[in-house]
Amino acid sequence: MATETSNSPSNSLSDEPKIAAPASLSAAHVAAAILLPPLALFLVQGVSRDFWIAFGLTCLGYFPGAAFALFALLKGRSRRDAPA
């Protein structure tokens, strides 16, 4: 006896993996800011003023660049979370 399997769209959608929540993305950005500060800002903002500031500070010293990158990420996050 052969068993029937249903290939209906409703069953296949429930089996797909869920997309990561935004909180996990921000944790990845914070980790990137700690490991390589300009990379984190590039991933979030692209080539922007904050990216170049973090790049310059990282060239002068790792800790100032990392501190600025964390500050810029958290500042941008609070700006995005504020109601319009």
PDB file of N, CA and C in Angstrom:
ATOM      1  N   MET A   1       0.830  -1.172   0.000  1.00  0.00           N
ATOM      2  CA  MET A   1       0.000   0.000   0.000  1.00  0.00           C
ATOM      3  C   MET A   1       0.877   1.238   0.000  1.00  0.00           C
ATOM      4  N   ALA A   2       0.541   2.138  -0.877  1.00  0.00           N
ATOM      5  CA  ALA A   2       1.283   3.387  -0.961  1.00  0.00           C
ATOM      6  C   ALA A   2       0.613   4.438  -0.089  1.00  0.00           C
ATOM      7  N   THR A   3       1.422   5.209   0.608  1.00  0.00           N
ATOM      8  CA  THR A   3       0.863   6.276   1.421  1.00  0.00           C
ATOM      9  C   THR A   3       0.830   7.557   0.599  1.00  0.00           C
ATOM     10  N   GLU A   4      -0.211   8.320   0.791  1.00  0.00           N
ATOM     11  CA  GLU A   4      -0.334   9.574   0.057  1.00  0.00           C
ATOM     12  C   GLU A   4       0.340  10.691   0.833  1.00  0.00           C
ATOM     13  N   THR A   5       1.062  11.514   0.122  1.00  0.00           N
ATOM     14  CA  THR A   5       1.647  12.709   0.734  1.00  0.00           C
ATOM     15  C   THR A   5       1.010  13.911   0.086  1.00  0.00           C
ATOM     16  N   SER A   6       0.699  14.857   0.878  1.00  0.00           N
ATOM     17  CA  SER A   6       0.051  16.061   0.382  1.00  0.00           C
ATOM     18  C   SER A   6       1.114  17.103   0.052  1.00  0.00           C
ATOM     19  N   ASN A   7       1.057  17.627  -1.148  1.00  0.00           N
ATOM     20  CA  ASN A   7       1.987  18.667  -1.562  1.00  0.00           C
ATOM     21  C   ASN A   7       1.297  20.017  -1.643  1.00  0.00           C
ATOM     22  N   SER A   8       0.287  20.205  -0.844  1.00  0.00           N
ATOM     23  CA  SER A   8      -0.448  21.469  -0.894  1.00  0.00           C
ATOM     24  C   SER A   8       0.428  22.591  -0.338  1.00  0.00           C
ATOM     25  N   PRO A   9       0.232  23.813  -0.823  1.00  0.00           N
ATOM     26  CA  PRO A   9       1.052  24.942  -0.371  1.00  0.00           C
ATOM     27  C   PRO A   9       0.955  25.202   1.122  1.00  0.00           C
ATOM     28  N   SER A  10      -0.176  24.947   1.735  1.00  0.00           N
ATOM     29  CA  SER A  10      -0.311  25.232   3.162  1.00  0.00           C
ATOM     30  C   SER A  10       0.594  24.324   3.995  1.00  0.00           C
ATOM     31  N   ASN A  11       0.778  23.072   3.580  1.00  0.00           N
ATOM     32  CA  ASN A  11       1.660  22.173   4.324  1.00  0.00           C
ATOM     33  C   ASN A  11       3.119  22.536   4.118  1.00  0.00           C
ATOM     34  N   SER A  12       3.504  22.918   2.905  1.00  0.00           N
ATOM     35  CA  SER A  12       4.907  23.214   2.651  1.00  0.00           C
ATOM     36  C   SER A  12       5.331  24.510   3.321  1.00  0.00           C
ATOM     37  N   LEU A  13       4.421  25.468   3.486  1.00  0.00           N
ATOM     38  CA  LEU A  13       4.772  26.714   4.151  1.00  0.00           C
ATOM     39  C   LEU A  13       5.021  26.510   5.637  1.00  0.00           C
ATOM     40  N   SER A  14       4.281  25.613   6.252  1.00  0.00           N
ATOM     41  CA  SER A  14       4.466  25.403   7.682  1.00  0.00           C
ATOM     42  C   SER A  14       5.772  24.667   7.988  1.00  0.00           C
ATOM     43  N   ASP A  15       6.335  23.985   6.991  1.00  0.00           N
ATOM     44  CA  ASP A  15       7.573  23.249   7.206  1.00  0.00           C
ATOM     45  C   ASP A  15       8.820  24.102   6.974  1.00  0.00           C
ATOM     46  N   GLU A  16       8.664  25.290   6.388  1.00  0.00           N
ATOM     47  CA  GLU A  16       9.821  26.127   6.100  1.00  0.00           C
ATOM     48  C   GLU A  16      10.364  26.727   7.382  1.00  0.00           C
ATOM     49  N   PRO A  17      11.673  26.927   7.450  1.00  0.00           N
ATOM     50  CA  PRO A  17      12.252  27.533   8.651  1.00  0.00           C
ATOM     51  C   PRO A  17      11.820  28.988   8.782  1.00  0.00           C
ATOM     52  N   LYS A  18      11.700  29.426   9.995  1.00  0.00           N
ATOM     53  CA  LYS A  18      11.300  30.798  10.271  1.00  0.00           C
ATOM     54  C   LYS A  18      12.482  31.736  10.045  1.00  0.00           C
ATOM     55  N   ILE A  19      12.199  32.972   9.649  1.00  0.00           N
ATOM     56  CA  ILE A  19      13.229  33.991   9.467  1.00  0.00           C
ATOM     57  C   ILE A  19      13.637  34.501  10.840  1.00  0.00           C
ATOM     58  N   ALA A  20      14.915  34.795  11.007  1.00  0.00           N
ATOM     59  CA  ALA A  20      15.430  35.242  12.298  1.00  0.00           C
ATOM     60  C   ALA A  20      14.767  36.549  12.718  1.00  0.00           C
ATOM     61  N   ALA A  21      14.565  36.696  13.997  1.00  0.00           N
ATOM     62  CA  ALA A  21      13.965  37.906  14.539  1.00  0.00           C
ATOM     63  C   ALA A  21      14.965  39.056  14.477  1.00  0.00           C
ATOM     64  N   PRO A  22      14.499  40.300  14.438  1.00  0.00           N
ATOM     65  CA  PRO A  22      15.408  41.438  14.388  1.00  0.00           C
ATOM     66  C   PRO A  22      16.367  41.500  15.569  1.00  0.00           C
ATOM     67  N   ALA A  23      15.969  40.974  16.725  1.00  0.00           N
ATOM     68  CA  ALA A  23      16.855  41.001  17.885  1.00  0.00           C
ATOM     69  C   ALA A  23      18.124  40.206  17.613  1.00  0.00           C
ATOM     70  N   SER A  24      18.037  39.092  16.886  1.00  0.00           N
ATOM     71  CA  SER A  24      19.241  38.317  16.591  1.00  0.00           C
ATOM     72  C   SER A  24      20.123  39.046  15.594  1.00  0.00           C
ATOM     73  N   LEU A  25      19.514  39.839  14.716  1.00  0.00           N
ATOM     74  CA  LEU A  25      20.316  40.619  13.782  1.00  0.00           C
ATOM     75  C   LEU A  25      21.086  41.700  14.510  1.00  0.00           C
ATOM     76  N   SER A  26      20.476  42.346  15.479  1.00  0.00           N
ATOM     77  CA  SER A  26      21.183  43.383  16.206  1.00  0.00           C
ATOM     78  C   SER A  26      22.321  42.785  17.038  1.00  0.00           C
ATOM     79  N   ALA A  27      22.146  41.578  17.531  1.00  0.00           N
ATOM     80  CA  ALA A  27      23.226  40.924  18.271  1.00  0.00           C
ATOM     81  C   ALA A  27      24.405  40.638  17.342  1.00  0.00           C
ATOM     82  N   ALA A  28      24.116  40.267  16.104  1.00  0.00           N
ATOM     83  CA  ALA A  28      25.190  40.038  15.134  1.00  0.00           C
ATOM     84  C   ALA A  28      25.891  41.342  14.803  1.00  0.00           C
ATOM     85  N   HIS A  29      25.146  42.423  14.724  1.00  0.00           N
ATOM     86  CA  HIS A  29      25.764  43.719  14.432  1.00  0.00           C
ATOM     87  C   HIS A  29      26.631  44.181  15.595  1.00  0.00           C
ATOM     88  N   VAL A  30      26.197  43.945  16.817  1.00  0.00           N
ATOM     89  CA  VAL A  30      27.001  44.311  17.982  1.00  0.00           C
ATOM     90  C   VAL A  30      28.281  43.480  18.008  1.00  0.00           C
ATOM     91  N   ALA A  31      28.175  42.198  17.689  1.00  0.00           N
ATOM     92  CA  ALA A  31      29.371  41.351  17.636  1.00  0.00           C
ATOM     93  C   ALA A  31      30.319  41.838  16.545  1.00  0.00           C
ATOM     94  N   ALA A  32      29.785  42.234  15.395  1.00  0.00           N
ATOM     95  CA  ALA A  32      30.630  42.763  14.326  1.00  0.00           C
ATOM     96  C   ALA A  32      31.271  44.075  14.743  1.00  0.00           C
ATOM     97  N   ALA A  33      30.543  44.908  15.499  1.00  0.00           N
ATOM     98  CA  ALA A  33      31.106  46.176  15.969  1.00  0.00           C
ATOM     99  C   ALA A  33      32.272  45.948  16.919  1.00  0.00           C
ATOM    100  N   ILE A  34      32.205  44.880  17.678  1.00  0.00           N
ATOM    101  CA  ILE A  34      33.295  44.579  18.611  1.00  0.00           C
ATOM    102  C   ILE A  34      34.489  43.981  17.863  1.00  0.00           C
ATOM    103  N   LEU A  35      34.230  43.102  16.901  1.00  0.00           N
ATOM    104  CA  LEU A  35      35.321  42.431  16.189  1.00  0.00           C
ATOM    105  C   LEU A  35      35.963  43.317  15.122  1.00  0.00           C
ATOM    106  N   LEU A  36      35.154  43.988  14.321  1.00  0.00           N
ATOM    107  CA  LEU A  36      35.676  44.834  13.239  1.00  0.00           C
ATOM    108  C   LEU A  36      34.719  46.015  13.075  1.00  0.00           C
ATOM    109  N   PRO A  37      34.964  47.097  13.800  1.00  0.00           N
ATOM    110  CA  PRO A  37      34.006  48.199  13.886  1.00  0.00           C
ATOM    111  C   PRO A  37      33.516  48.770  12.551  1.00  0.00           C
ATOM    112  N   PRO A  38      34.369  49.063  11.575  1.00  0.00           N
ATOM    113  CA  PRO A  38      33.830  49.621  10.328  1.00  0.00           C
ATOM    114  C   PRO A  38      32.898  48.658   9.585  1.00  0.00           C
ATOM    115  N   LEU A  39      33.149  47.361   9.704  1.00  0.00           N
ATOM    116  CA  LEU A  39      32.300  46.380   9.031  1.00  0.00           C
ATOM    117  C   LEU A  39      30.866  46.452   9.538  1.00  0.00           C
ATOM    118  N   ALA A  40      30.686  46.589  10.837  1.00  0.00           N
ATOM    119  CA  ALA A  40      29.335  46.648  11.400  1.00  0.00           C
ATOM    120  C   ALA A  40      28.580  47.855  10.863  1.00  0.00           C
ATOM    121  N   LEU A  41      29.236  48.993  10.811  1.00  0.00           N
ATOM    122  CA  LEU A  41      28.560  50.185  10.311  1.00  0.00           C
ATOM    123  C   LEU A  41      28.303  50.082   8.816  1.00  0.00           C
ATOM    124  N   PHE A  42      29.206  49.445   8.092  1.00  0.00           N
ATOM    125  CA  PHE A  42      28.991  49.250   6.659  1.00  0.00           C
ATOM    126  C   PHE A  42      27.785  48.354   6.408  1.00  0.00           C
ATOM    127  N   LEU A  43      27.631  47.307   7.207  1.00  0.00           N
ATOM    128  CA  LEU A  43      26.498  46.397   7.029  1.00  0.00           C
ATOM    129  C   LEU A  43      25.170  47.065   7.327  1.00  0.00           C
ATOM    130  N   VAL A  44      25.160  47.982   8.272  1.00  0.00           N
ATOM    131  CA  VAL A  44      23.911  48.626   8.662  1.00  0.00           C
ATOM    132  C   VAL A  44      23.623  49.863   7.813  1.00  0.00           C
ATOM    133  N   GLN A  45      24.635  50.715   7.596  1.00  0.00           N
ATOM    134  CA  GLN A  45      24.406  52.010   6.977  1.00  0.00           C
ATOM    135  C   GLN A  45      25.016  52.146   5.591  1.00  0.00           C
ATOM    136  N   GLY A  46      25.870  51.234   5.199  1.00  0.00           N
ATOM    137  CA  GLY A  46      26.598  51.397   3.945  1.00  0.00           C
ATOM    138  C   GLY A  46      27.772  52.340   4.170  1.00  0.00           C
ATOM    139  N   VAL A  47      28.315  52.881   3.085  1.00  0.00           N
ATOM    140  CA  VAL A  47      29.436  53.818   3.203  1.00  0.00           C
ATOM    141  C   VAL A  47      28.839  55.178   3.572  1.00  0.00           C
ATOM    142  N   SER A  48      28.936  55.498   4.850  1.00  0.00           N
ATOM    143  CA  SER A  48      28.351  56.734   5.366  1.00  0.00           C
ATOM    144  C   SER A  48      29.397  57.491   6.171  1.00  0.00           C
ATOM    145  N   ARG A  49      28.979  58.614   6.701  1.00  0.00           N
ATOM    146  CA  ARG A  49      29.888  59.410   7.525  1.00  0.00           C
ATOM    147  C   ARG A  49      30.351  58.608   8.741  1.00  0.00           C
ATOM    148  N   ASP A  50      29.413  57.898   9.401  1.00  0.00           N
ATOM    149  CA  ASP A  50      29.772  57.096  10.572  1.00  0.00           C
ATOM    150  C   ASP A  50      30.760  55.993  10.215  1.00  0.00           C
ATOM    151  N   PHE A  51      30.616  55.401   9.019  1.00  0.00           N
ATOM    152  CA  PHE A  51      31.562  54.379   8.580  1.00  0.00           C
ATOM    153  C   PHE A  51      32.973  54.953   8.516  1.00  0.00           C
ATOM    154  N   TRP A  52      33.117  56.134   7.898  1.00  0.00           N
ATOM    155  CA  TRP A  52      34.456  56.722   7.753  1.00  0.00           C
ATOM    156  C   TRP A  52      35.027  57.163   9.091  1.00  0.00           C
ATOM    157  N   ILE A  53      34.187  57.646   9.994  1.00  0.00           N
ATOM    158  CA  ILE A  53      34.672  58.006  11.326  1.00  0.00           C
ATOM    159  C   ILE A  53      35.169  56.759  12.049  1.00  0.00           C
ATOM    160  N   ALA A  54      34.395  55.678  11.999  1.00  0.00           N
ATOM    161  CA  ALA A  54      34.816  54.423  12.640  1.00  0.00           C
ATOM    162  C   ALA A  54      36.085  53.886  11.994  1.00  0.00           C
ATOM    163  N   PHE A  55      36.194  54.012  10.680  1.00  0.00           N
ATOM    164  CA  PHE A  55      37.391  53.551   9.984  1.00  0.00           C
ATOM    165  C   PHE A  55      38.623  54.335  10.455  1.00  0.00           C
ATOM    166  N   GLY A  56      38.504  55.645  10.520  1.00  0.00           N
ATOM    167  CA  GLY A  56      39.623  56.469  10.977  1.00  0.00           C
ATOM    168  C   GLY A  56      39.995  56.202  12.420  1.00  0.00           C
ATOM    169  N   LEU A  57      38.984  56.087  13.283  1.00  0.00           N
ATOM    170  CA  LEU A  57      39.262  55.810  14.694  1.00  0.00           C
ATOM    171  C   LEU A  57      39.882  54.433  14.881  1.00  0.00           C
ATOM    172  N   THR A  58      39.450  53.462  14.085  1.00  0.00           N
ATOM    173  CA  THR A  58      40.023  52.119  14.179  1.00  0.00           C
ATOM    174  C   THR A  58      41.478  52.121  13.711  1.00  0.00           C
ATOM    175  N   CYS A  59      41.793  52.934  12.710  1.00  0.00           N
ATOM    176  CA  CYS A  59      43.186  53.051  12.267  1.00  0.00           C
ATOM    177  C   CYS A  59      44.057  53.686  13.347  1.00  0.00           C
ATOM    178  N   LEU A  60      43.487  54.636  14.075  1.00  0.00           N
ATOM    179  CA  LEU A  60      44.241  55.280  15.159  1.00  0.00           C
ATOM    180  C   LEU A  60      44.368  54.373  16.381  1.00  0.00           C
ATOM    181  N   GLY A  61      43.372  53.565  16.627  1.00  0.00           N
ATOM    182  CA  GLY A  61      43.380  52.656  17.767  1.00  0.00           C
ATOM    183  C   GLY A  61      42.120  51.824  17.754  1.00  0.00           C
ATOM    184  N   TYR A  62      42.244  50.589  18.119  1.00  0.00           N
ATOM    185  CA  TYR A  62      41.106  49.671  18.030  1.00  0.00           C
ATOM    186  C   TYR A  62      39.960  50.096  18.944  1.00  0.00           C
ATOM    187  N   PHE A  63      40.249  50.416  20.197  1.00  0.00           N
ATOM    188  CA  PHE A  63      39.186  50.683  21.168  1.00  0.00           C
ATOM    189  C   PHE A  63      38.369  51.935  20.853  1.00  0.00           C
ATOM    190  N   PRO A  64      38.978  53.039  20.407  1.00  0.00           N
ATOM    191  CA  PRO A  64      38.124  54.176  20.016  1.00  0.00           C
ATOM    192  C   PRO A  64      37.189  53.840  18.855  1.00  0.00           C
ATOM    193  N   GLY A  65      37.650  53.073  17.893  1.00  0.00           N
ATOM    194  CA  GLY A  65      36.809  52.679  16.767  1.00  0.00           C
ATOM    195  C   GLY A  65      35.669  51.780  17.201  1.00  0.00           C
ATOM    196  N   ALA A  66      35.964  50.827  18.090  1.00  0.00           N
ATOM    197  CA  ALA A  66      34.927  49.922  18.577  1.00  0.00           C
ATOM    198  C   ALA A  66      33.899  50.677  19.415  1.00  0.00           C
ATOM    199  N   ALA A  67      34.363  51.594  20.248  1.00  0.00           N
ATOM    200  CA  ALA A  67      33.440  52.372  21.074  1.00  0.00           C
ATOM    201  C   ALA A  67      32.536  53.228  20.201  1.00  0.00           C
ATOM    202  N   PHE A  68      33.101  53.881  19.195  1.00  0.00           N
ATOM    203  CA  PHE A  68      32.278  54.708  18.314  1.00  0.00           C
ATOM    204  C   PHE A  68      31.291  53.861  17.518  1.00  0.00           C
ATOM    205  N   ALA A  69      31.710  52.708  17.044  1.00  0.00           N
ATOM    206  CA  ALA A  69      30.813  51.846  16.267  1.00  0.00           C
ATOM    207  C   ALA A  69      29.639  51.382  17.126  1.00  0.00           C
ATOM    208  N   LEU A  70      29.901  50.986  18.359  1.00  0.00           N
ATOM    209  CA  LEU A  70      28.813  50.596  19.258  1.00  0.00           C
ATOM    210  C   LEU A  70      27.879  51.771  19.518  1.00  0.00           C
ATOM    211  N   PHE A  71      28.464  52.939  19.740  1.00  0.00           N
ATOM    212  CA  PHE A  71      27.655  54.137  19.970  1.00  0.00           C
ATOM    213  C   PHE A  71      26.777  54.445  18.759  1.00  0.00           C
ATOM    214  N   ALA A  72      27.360  54.394  17.567  1.00  0.00           N
ATOM    215  CA  ALA A  72      26.612  54.712  16.351  1.00  0.00           C
ATOM    216  C   ALA A  72      25.501  53.686  16.096  1.00  0.00           C
ATOM    217  N   LEU A  73      25.771  52.411  16.354  1.00  0.00           N
ATOM    218  CA  LEU A  73      24.735  51.393  16.166  1.00  0.00           C
ATOM    219  C   LEU A  73      23.587  51.582  17.150  1.00  0.00           C
ATOM    220  N   LEU A  74      23.916  51.803  18.403  1.00  0.00           N
ATOM    221  CA  LEU A  74      22.871  51.970  19.416  1.00  0.00           C
ATOM    222  C   LEU A  74      22.120  53.278  19.216  1.00  0.00           C
ATOM    223  N   LYS A  75      22.808  54.331  18.806  1.00  0.00           N
ATOM    224  CA  LYS A  75      22.152  55.604  18.528  1.00  0.00           C
ATOM    225  C   LYS A  75      21.186  55.445  17.358  1.00  0.00           C
ATOM    226  N   GLY A  76      21.613  54.767  16.313  1.00  0.00           N
ATOM    227  CA  GLY A  76      20.755  54.542  15.147  1.00  0.00           C
ATOM    228  C   GLY A  76      19.579  53.659  15.484  1.00  0.00           C
ATOM    229  N   ARG A  77      19.770  52.692  16.359  1.00  0.00           N
ATOM    230  CA  ARG A  77      18.669  51.805  16.741  1.00  0.00           C
ATOM    231  C   ARG A  77      17.609  52.568  17.517  1.00  0.00           C
ATOM    232  N   SER A  78      18.018  53.433  18.445  1.00  0.00           N
ATOM    233  CA  SER A  78      17.034  54.190  19.215  1.00  0.00           C
ATOM    234  C   SER A  78      16.309  55.183  18.318  1.00  0.00           C
ATOM    235  N   ARG A  79      16.987  55.691  17.299  1.00  0.00           N
ATOM    236  CA  ARG A  79      16.347  56.610  16.362  1.00  0.00           C
ATOM    237  C   ARG A  79      15.309  55.865  15.527  1.00  0.00           C
ATOM    238  N   ARG A  80      15.600  54.623  15.119  1.00  0.00           N
ATOM    239  CA  ARG A  80      14.650  53.847  14.321  1.00  0.00           C
ATOM    240  C   ARG A  80      13.464  53.382  15.160  1.00  0.00           C
ATOM    241  N   ASP A  81      13.677  53.121  16.460  1.00  0.00           N
ATOM    242  CA  ASP A  81      12.596  52.618  17.299  1.00  0.00           C
ATOM    243  C   ASP A  81      11.645  53.720  17.757  1.00  0.00           C
ATOM    244  N   ALA A  82      12.063  54.984  17.649  1.00  0.00           N
ATOM    245  CA  ALA A  82      11.222  56.091  18.117  1.00  0.00           C
ATOM    246  C   ALA A  82      10.012  56.241  17.189  1.00  0.00           C
ATOM    247  N   PRO A  83       8.857  56.530  17.776  1.00  0.00           N
ATOM    248  CA  PRO A  83       7.671  56.731  16.925  1.00  0.00           C
ATOM    249  C   PRO A  83       7.820  57.990  16.079  1.00  0.00           C
ATOM    250  N   ALA A  84       7.263  57.942  14.888  1.00  0.00           N
ATOM    251  CA  ALA A  84       7.398  59.071  13.958  1.00  0.00           C
ATOM    252  C   ALA A  84       6.474  60.218  14.293  1.00  0.00           C
TER     253      ALA A  84
END
